[in-house]
Amino acid sequence: MVFPTDENVIVGLDRADDAGVYKISDDLALIQTVDFFTPIVDDPYWFGQIAAANALSDVYAMGGTPKTAMNLVGFPVKTMDIWVLRQIIQGGVDKLTEAGTVLVGGHSIEDKELKYGLSVTGFIHPARVITKKNLRAGDRLILTKPLGTGIINTAIKGGLASDKLIETVTRLMAALNRDAAEIMKDFPVHACTDITGFGLLGHMAEMVLGSGLGIHLQANSVPVLKDALEYAAMGMIPAGMHKNRKFREIMVNISTSVDIVLQDIFYDPQTSGGLLICVGPDSAKDLLNSLKERGISWAAIIGEVTTEPKEKIKII
């Protein structure tokens, strides 16, 4: 299949990334992304918040500032009260307001299954675009949110999670990656991506593929929600985790000393997860301290970029 091309496309279909980037002028480029999904929490307002935060995240991962958004809605109007849709959209609008992003329109269709998300447009200087494909040997990797939301959401659907845990995970998924994105602009960040449906290892695999470099991941340094460990040990594993493992396990070398439950969590599909930031080794601790000072308490240095094994992830 042949796709249209344009010399002003900085990031497009030829190099899969978190968003597309189009150069408007010497000092302005547009970041464009779209994302939507079915509900992952019961509360429609919080679903709207999470879906909006998730859609905005790709712009933050590219180093940009989201400016406008458009709603995407699939709604079963014959079987669901319109109040639910109003709550979802209100949640999305409130999250956009928090992000300083303007809702300029949208589109809805009647659908048997409820779906909600947004298309988002952001601004960035063409020379400051951060992609996931610019790793450098020796760089450190910083993760800004803990893993385990996919497993905990599975437990929630099974009626096993407490109200306190549901609130904690919901707020975590609804939290913007804005502060982390703003902070990383002051440091020599070479690559970045956000951790979502492919899980930590799936998104790491995208970063090393074609790079000629590899990643050493320190298993015990990765921030993980404690309850996720417990539920994973009970077998509360989402179907997406098995798909992620099957797709990428050929690129992963895991030490036998790494707990099997922790291995599962590294493949766990996340919703509105944190940023995975690749930064020069001399700046990693300063960046980490700046993140923590801003209240991003889960942030941690979890590994480094290496020359061997090429295009693989080694977990120790």
Protein backbone atom coordinates (compact mmCIF):
# COMPACT_ATOMS: atom_id res chain seq x y z
CA MET A 1 0.00 0.00 0.00
CA VAL A 2 1.34 3.43 -0.97
CA PHE A 3 0.57 6.39 1.29
CA PRO A 4 0.67 10.07 0.33
CA THR A 5 3.93 11.82 1.21
CA ASP A 6 4.90 15.40 1.97
CA GLU A 7 8.33 16.91 2.61
CA ASN A 8 6.99 18.69 5.70
CA VAL A 9 6.07 15.47 7.51
CA ILE A 10 8.63 15.12 10.32
CA VAL A 11 7.11 11.97 11.85
CA GLY A 12 4.71 9.88 9.80
CA LEU A 13 3.78 6.34 8.86
CA ASP A 14 7.31 5.47 7.74
CA ARG A 15 8.46 5.53 11.38
CA ALA A 16 5.75 4.44 13.79
CA ASP A 17 5.69 6.69 16.82
CA ASP A 18 3.30 8.07 19.44
CA ALA A 19 1.93 10.79 17.12
CA GLY A 20 2.38 12.37 13.72
CA VAL A 21 4.28 15.63 13.34
CA TYR A 22 3.90 18.12 10.49
CA LYS A 23 6.11 21.18 10.00
CA ILE A 24 4.20 24.42 9.45
CA SER A 25 7.13 26.84 9.55
CA ASP A 26 10.74 27.02 10.73
CA ASP A 27 9.57 27.43 14.32
CA LEU A 28 6.22 25.64 14.45
CA ALA A 29 5.08 22.06 13.90
CA LEU A 30 1.78 20.32 14.62
CA ILE A 31 1.57 17.11 16.64
CA GLN A 32 -1.52 15.06 15.78
CA THR A 33 -2.85 12.01 17.59
CA VAL A 34 -6.11 10.14 18.21
CA ASP A 35 -7.18 7.55 20.77
CA PHE A 36 -10.44 6.11 22.08
CA PHE A 37 -11.57 2.97 23.89
CA THR A 38 -14.38 1.28 25.80
CA PRO A 39 -14.93 2.01 29.52
CA ILE A 40 -12.32 0.73 31.95
CA VAL A 41 -14.05 2.12 35.06
CA ASP A 42 -17.74 2.13 36.02
CA ASP A 43 -17.99 5.86 36.81
CA PRO A 44 -18.72 7.68 33.52
CA TYR A 45 -17.22 10.98 34.67
CA TRP A 46 -13.91 9.33 35.57
CA PHE A 47 -13.97 7.35 32.34
CA GLY A 48 -14.10 10.67 30.50
CA GLN A 49 -11.17 11.97 32.56
CA ILE A 50 -9.04 8.89 31.90
CA ALA A 51 -9.81 8.79 28.17
CA ALA A 52 -8.86 12.45 27.81
CA ALA A 53 -5.63 12.06 29.81
CA ASN A 54 -4.75 9.04 27.69
CA ALA A 55 -5.29 10.91 24.41
CA LEU A 56 -3.30 13.94 25.58
CA SER A 57 -0.39 11.76 26.66
CA ASP A 58 0.95 11.14 23.15
CA VAL A 59 1.49 14.88 22.66
CA TYR A 60 3.36 15.10 25.96
CA ALA A 61 5.51 12.10 25.00
CA MET A 62 6.63 13.94 21.86
CA GLY A 63 7.65 16.96 23.95
CA GLY A 64 4.74 19.10 22.76
CA THR A 65 1.94 21.18 24.22
CA PRO A 66 -1.65 20.08 23.45
CA LYS A 67 -3.75 22.96 22.11
CA THR A 68 -7.02 21.67 20.63
CA ALA A 69 -9.09 18.50 20.83
CA MET A 70 -12.16 16.92 19.23
CA ASN A 71 -14.42 14.33 20.85
CA LEU A 72 -14.97 10.87 19.36
CA VAL A 73 -18.08 9.09 20.66
CA GLY A 74 -19.81 5.79 20.01
CA PHE A 75 -22.97 5.59 22.13
CA PRO A 76 -25.81 3.02 22.46
CA VAL A 77 -28.56 5.62 22.56
CA LYS A 78 -31.36 3.03 22.58
CA THR A 79 -30.11 1.16 25.63
CA MET A 80 -28.22 3.70 27.74
CA ASP A 81 -29.36 6.90 29.44
CA ILE A 82 -28.02 10.07 27.80
CA TRP A 83 -26.97 11.22 31.29
CA VAL A 84 -24.08 8.75 31.04
CA LEU A 85 -22.79 10.44 27.90
CA ARG A 86 -23.09 13.87 29.49
CA GLN A 87 -20.98 12.71 32.44
CA ILE A 88 -18.34 11.22 30.16
CA ILE A 89 -18.03 14.37 28.11
CA GLN A 90 -17.95 16.52 31.24
CA GLY A 91 -15.08 14.42 32.55
CA GLY A 92 -13.22 14.88 29.28
CA VAL A 93 -13.86 18.63 29.22
CA ASP A 94 -12.63 19.04 32.79
CA LYS A 95 -9.42 17.18 31.98
CA LEU A 96 -8.89 19.28 28.86
CA THR A 97 -9.42 22.42 30.94
CA GLU A 98 -6.79 21.19 33.39
CA ALA A 99 -4.42 20.68 30.45
CA GLY A 100 -5.14 24.13 28.98
CA THR A 101 -6.52 22.49 25.85
CA VAL A 102 -9.57 23.75 23.93
CA LEU A 103 -12.38 21.45 22.76
CA VAL A 104 -13.25 22.60 19.24
CA GLY A 105 -15.71 19.94 18.08
CA GLY A 106 -16.16 16.24 17.60
CA HIS A 107 -18.24 13.49 16.08
CA SER A 108 -20.61 10.86 17.48
CA ILE A 109 -22.25 7.74 16.08
CA GLU A 110 -24.81 5.30 17.41
CA ASP A 111 -22.98 2.15 18.46
CA LYS A 112 -23.91 -1.03 20.31
CA GLU A 113 -20.85 -0.55 22.53
CA LEU A 114 -19.93 2.64 24.38
CA LYS A 115 -16.67 4.23 23.21
CA TYR A 116 -15.04 7.57 23.95
CA GLY A 117 -11.80 9.34 23.18
CA LEU A 118 -10.33 12.35 21.45
CA SER A 119 -8.21 13.52 18.58
CA VAL A 120 -5.65 16.02 19.85
CA THR A 121 -3.46 18.61 18.13
CA GLY A 122 -0.39 20.05 19.84
CA PHE A 123 2.35 22.55 19.07
CA ILE A 124 6.12 22.07 19.12
CA HIS A 125 9.25 23.59 17.62
CA PRO A 126 10.36 21.37 14.70
CA ALA A 127 13.87 21.05 16.15
CA ARG A 128 12.57 19.92 19.56
CA VAL A 129 10.47 16.93 18.56
CA ILE A 130 11.17 13.94 20.81
CA THR A 131 10.58 10.53 19.25
CA LYS A 132 10.93 7.01 20.62
CA LYS A 133 13.65 6.16 18.07
CA ASN A 134 16.65 8.21 19.21
CA LEU A 135 18.26 6.08 21.92
CA ARG A 136 21.92 6.63 22.77
CA ALA A 137 24.22 4.13 24.44
CA GLY A 138 24.66 4.93 28.12
CA ASP A 139 21.38 6.78 28.47
CA ARG A 140 19.27 6.07 31.53
CA LEU A 141 15.56 5.22 31.40
CA ILE A 142 13.13 6.87 33.81
CA LEU A 143 9.53 5.69 34.29
CA THR A 144 7.10 8.21 35.82
CA LYS A 145 4.09 6.06 36.79
CA PRO A 146 3.89 2.60 38.37
CA LEU A 147 2.84 -0.51 36.48
CA GLY A 148 -0.11 -2.76 37.25
CA THR A 149 -3.25 -0.88 36.21
CA GLY A 150 -4.28 -3.56 33.69
CA ILE A 151 -4.13 -6.28 36.31
CA ILE A 152 -5.96 -4.18 38.89
CA ASN A 153 -8.67 -3.27 36.38
CA THR A 154 -9.15 -7.00 35.81
CA ALA A 155 -9.55 -7.45 39.56
CA ILE A 156 -12.04 -4.58 39.65
CA LYS A 157 -14.15 -6.26 36.97
CA GLY A 158 -14.04 -9.41 39.08
CA GLY A 159 -15.37 -7.52 42.10
CA LEU A 160 -12.21 -8.09 44.16
CA ALA A 161 -10.86 -4.55 44.55
CA SER A 162 -11.67 -2.29 47.50
CA ASP A 163 -13.22 1.15 47.01
CA LYS A 164 -9.95 2.73 48.18
CA LEU A 165 -7.92 0.84 45.58
CA ILE A 166 -10.40 1.69 42.84
CA GLU A 167 -10.08 5.38 43.69
CA THR A 168 -6.28 5.20 43.81
CA VAL A 169 -5.97 3.50 40.42
CA THR A 170 -8.62 5.71 38.83
CA ARG A 171 -6.82 8.89 39.90
CA LEU A 172 -3.50 7.45 38.73
CA MET A 173 -4.88 6.76 35.24
CA ALA A 174 -6.54 10.19 35.10
CA ALA A 175 -3.34 12.02 36.06
CA LEU A 176 -1.82 14.04 33.23
CA ASN A 177 1.75 13.50 32.06
CA ARG A 178 2.00 17.27 31.63
CA ASP A 179 4.35 18.01 34.53
CA ALA A 180 6.78 15.27 33.53
CA ALA A 181 6.76 16.54 29.94
CA GLU A 182 7.43 20.11 31.05
CA ILE A 183 10.29 19.06 33.31
CA MET A 184 12.04 16.91 30.73
CA LYS A 185 12.32 19.90 28.36
CA ASP A 186 15.12 21.23 30.60
CA PHE A 187 17.24 18.10 30.25
CA PRO A 188 19.09 16.27 27.43
CA VAL A 189 16.25 13.86 26.69
CA HIS A 190 16.95 11.84 23.57
CA ALA A 191 13.82 9.68 23.34
CA CYS A 192 10.48 9.24 25.05
CA THR A 193 7.28 7.25 24.82
CA ASP A 194 4.23 6.71 27.01
CA ILE A 195 3.42 3.29 28.43
CA THR A 196 -0.04 2.14 27.37
CA GLY A 197 -1.61 -0.96 25.83
CA PHE A 198 1.58 -2.77 24.78
CA GLY A 199 2.91 -2.76 28.34
CA LEU A 200 6.38 -1.70 29.47
CA LEU A 201 8.24 -4.34 27.47
CA GLY A 202 6.12 -3.82 24.36
CA HIS A 203 6.89 -0.11 24.28
CA MET A 204 10.56 -0.69 25.11
CA ALA A 205 10.71 -3.13 22.19
CA GLU A 206 9.40 -0.40 19.88
CA MET A 207 12.22 1.86 21.07
CA VAL A 208 15.06 -0.60 20.45
CA LEU A 209 13.72 -2.09 17.21
CA GLY A 210 15.94 -0.87 14.37
CA SER A 211 18.17 1.12 16.72
CA GLY A 212 21.15 -1.23 16.83
CA LEU A 213 21.07 -0.82 20.62
CA GLY A 214 19.57 -2.71 23.54
CA ILE A 215 18.21 -2.07 27.03
CA HIS A 216 19.24 -3.46 30.40
CA LEU A 217 16.22 -3.32 32.72
CA GLN A 218 16.68 -3.55 36.49
CA ALA A 219 13.62 -5.55 37.53
CA ASN A 220 13.57 -4.46 41.18
CA SER A 221 13.85 -0.78 40.25
CA VAL A 222 10.58 -0.71 38.29
CA PRO A 223 7.75 0.96 40.26
CA VAL A 224 4.83 -1.45 40.63
CA LEU A 225 1.52 -1.15 42.45
CA LYS A 226 1.65 -3.56 45.39
CA ASP A 227 -1.91 -4.78 44.83
CA ALA A 228 -1.03 -5.67 41.23
CA LEU A 229 1.59 -8.12 42.49
CA GLU A 230 -0.96 -9.77 44.74
CA TYR A 231 -3.66 -10.04 42.06
CA ALA A 232 -1.19 -11.28 39.44
CA ALA A 233 -0.11 -14.03 41.85
CA MET A 234 -3.81 -14.98 42.07
CA GLY A 235 -4.02 -15.28 38.29
CA MET A 236 -5.92 -12.02 37.64
CA ILE A 237 -4.20 -11.48 34.30
CA PRO A 238 -5.81 -9.48 31.44
CA ALA A 239 -5.95 -11.14 28.03
CA GLY A 240 -3.88 -8.29 26.59
CA MET A 241 -0.92 -9.32 28.72
CA HIS A 242 -0.72 -12.72 27.03
CA LYS A 243 -0.91 -11.06 23.60
CA ASN A 244 1.86 -8.63 24.53
CA ARG A 245 4.09 -11.45 25.73
CA LYS A 246 3.51 -13.58 22.63
CA PHE A 247 4.27 -10.65 20.34
CA ARG A 248 7.49 -9.43 21.98
CA GLU A 249 8.99 -12.23 24.09
CA ILE A 250 11.44 -13.09 21.30
CA MET A 251 13.12 -9.72 21.98
CA VAL A 252 13.34 -10.22 25.75
CA ASN A 253 15.97 -12.07 27.79
CA ILE A 254 14.84 -12.46 31.41
CA SER A 255 17.11 -13.73 34.19
CA THR A 256 15.78 -16.77 36.04
CA SER A 257 16.14 -14.76 39.24
CA VAL A 258 13.30 -12.39 38.22
CA ASP A 259 10.03 -13.40 39.86
CA ILE A 260 7.49 -14.82 37.38
CA VAL A 261 4.77 -12.52 38.74
CA LEU A 262 6.95 -9.50 38.08
CA GLN A 263 7.56 -10.76 34.57
CA ASP A 264 3.81 -10.78 33.97
CA ILE A 265 3.52 -7.19 35.15
CA PHE A 266 6.17 -6.03 32.68
CA TYR A 267 3.82 -7.17 29.89
CA ASP A 268 0.69 -5.80 31.58
CA PRO A 269 -1.28 -3.46 29.26
CA GLN A 270 -1.56 -0.03 30.88
CA THR A 271 -4.22 2.62 30.44
CA SER A 272 -2.89 6.20 30.51
CA GLY A 273 0.45 5.06 31.91
CA GLY A 274 3.53 7.13 32.60
CA LEU A 275 6.28 8.44 30.37
CA LEU A 276 9.39 6.37 29.69
CA ILE A 277 12.14 8.97 29.34
CA CYS A 278 15.58 8.30 27.86
CA VAL A 279 18.08 10.87 29.19
CA GLY A 280 21.85 11.34 29.23
CA PRO A 281 23.56 9.54 32.15
CA ASP A 282 24.99 12.71 33.68
CA SER A 283 21.53 14.26 33.93
CA ALA A 284 19.44 11.28 35.01
CA LYS A 285 19.60 11.88 38.77
CA ASP A 286 18.89 15.60 38.39
CA LEU A 287 15.89 14.87 36.18
CA LEU A 288 14.65 12.27 38.66
CA ASN A 289 14.98 14.73 41.54
CA SER A 290 13.10 17.40 39.58
CA LEU A 291 10.26 14.97 38.88
CA LYS A 292 9.99 14.05 42.54
CA GLU A 293 10.09 17.69 43.63
CA ARG A 294 7.07 18.32 41.36
CA GLY A 295 5.18 15.54 43.13
CA ILE A 296 5.80 12.71 40.67
CA SER A 297 6.70 10.43 43.55
CA TRP A 298 6.64 7.12 41.65
CA ALA A 299 9.36 8.19 39.19
CA ALA A 300 12.37 5.87 39.10
CA ILE A 301 15.48 5.10 37.06
CA ILE A 302 14.76 1.58 35.81
CA GLY A 303 17.51 0.78 33.33
CA GLU A 304 19.96 1.95 30.72
CA VAL A 305 20.62 1.81 26.99
CA THR A 306 23.43 -0.55 25.99
CA THR A 307 25.32 -1.65 22.89
CA GLU A 308 24.57 -5.32 23.63
CA PRO A 309 22.41 -7.28 23.20
CA LYS A 310 21.45 -5.47 20.01
CA GLU A 311 17.74 -4.72 19.67
CA LYS A 312 16.86 -6.81 22.69
CA ILE A 313 15.86 -6.16 26.29
CA LYS A 314 17.80 -7.87 29.05
CA ILE A 315 16.09 -8.02 32.44
CA ILE A 316 18.17 -8.71 35.53
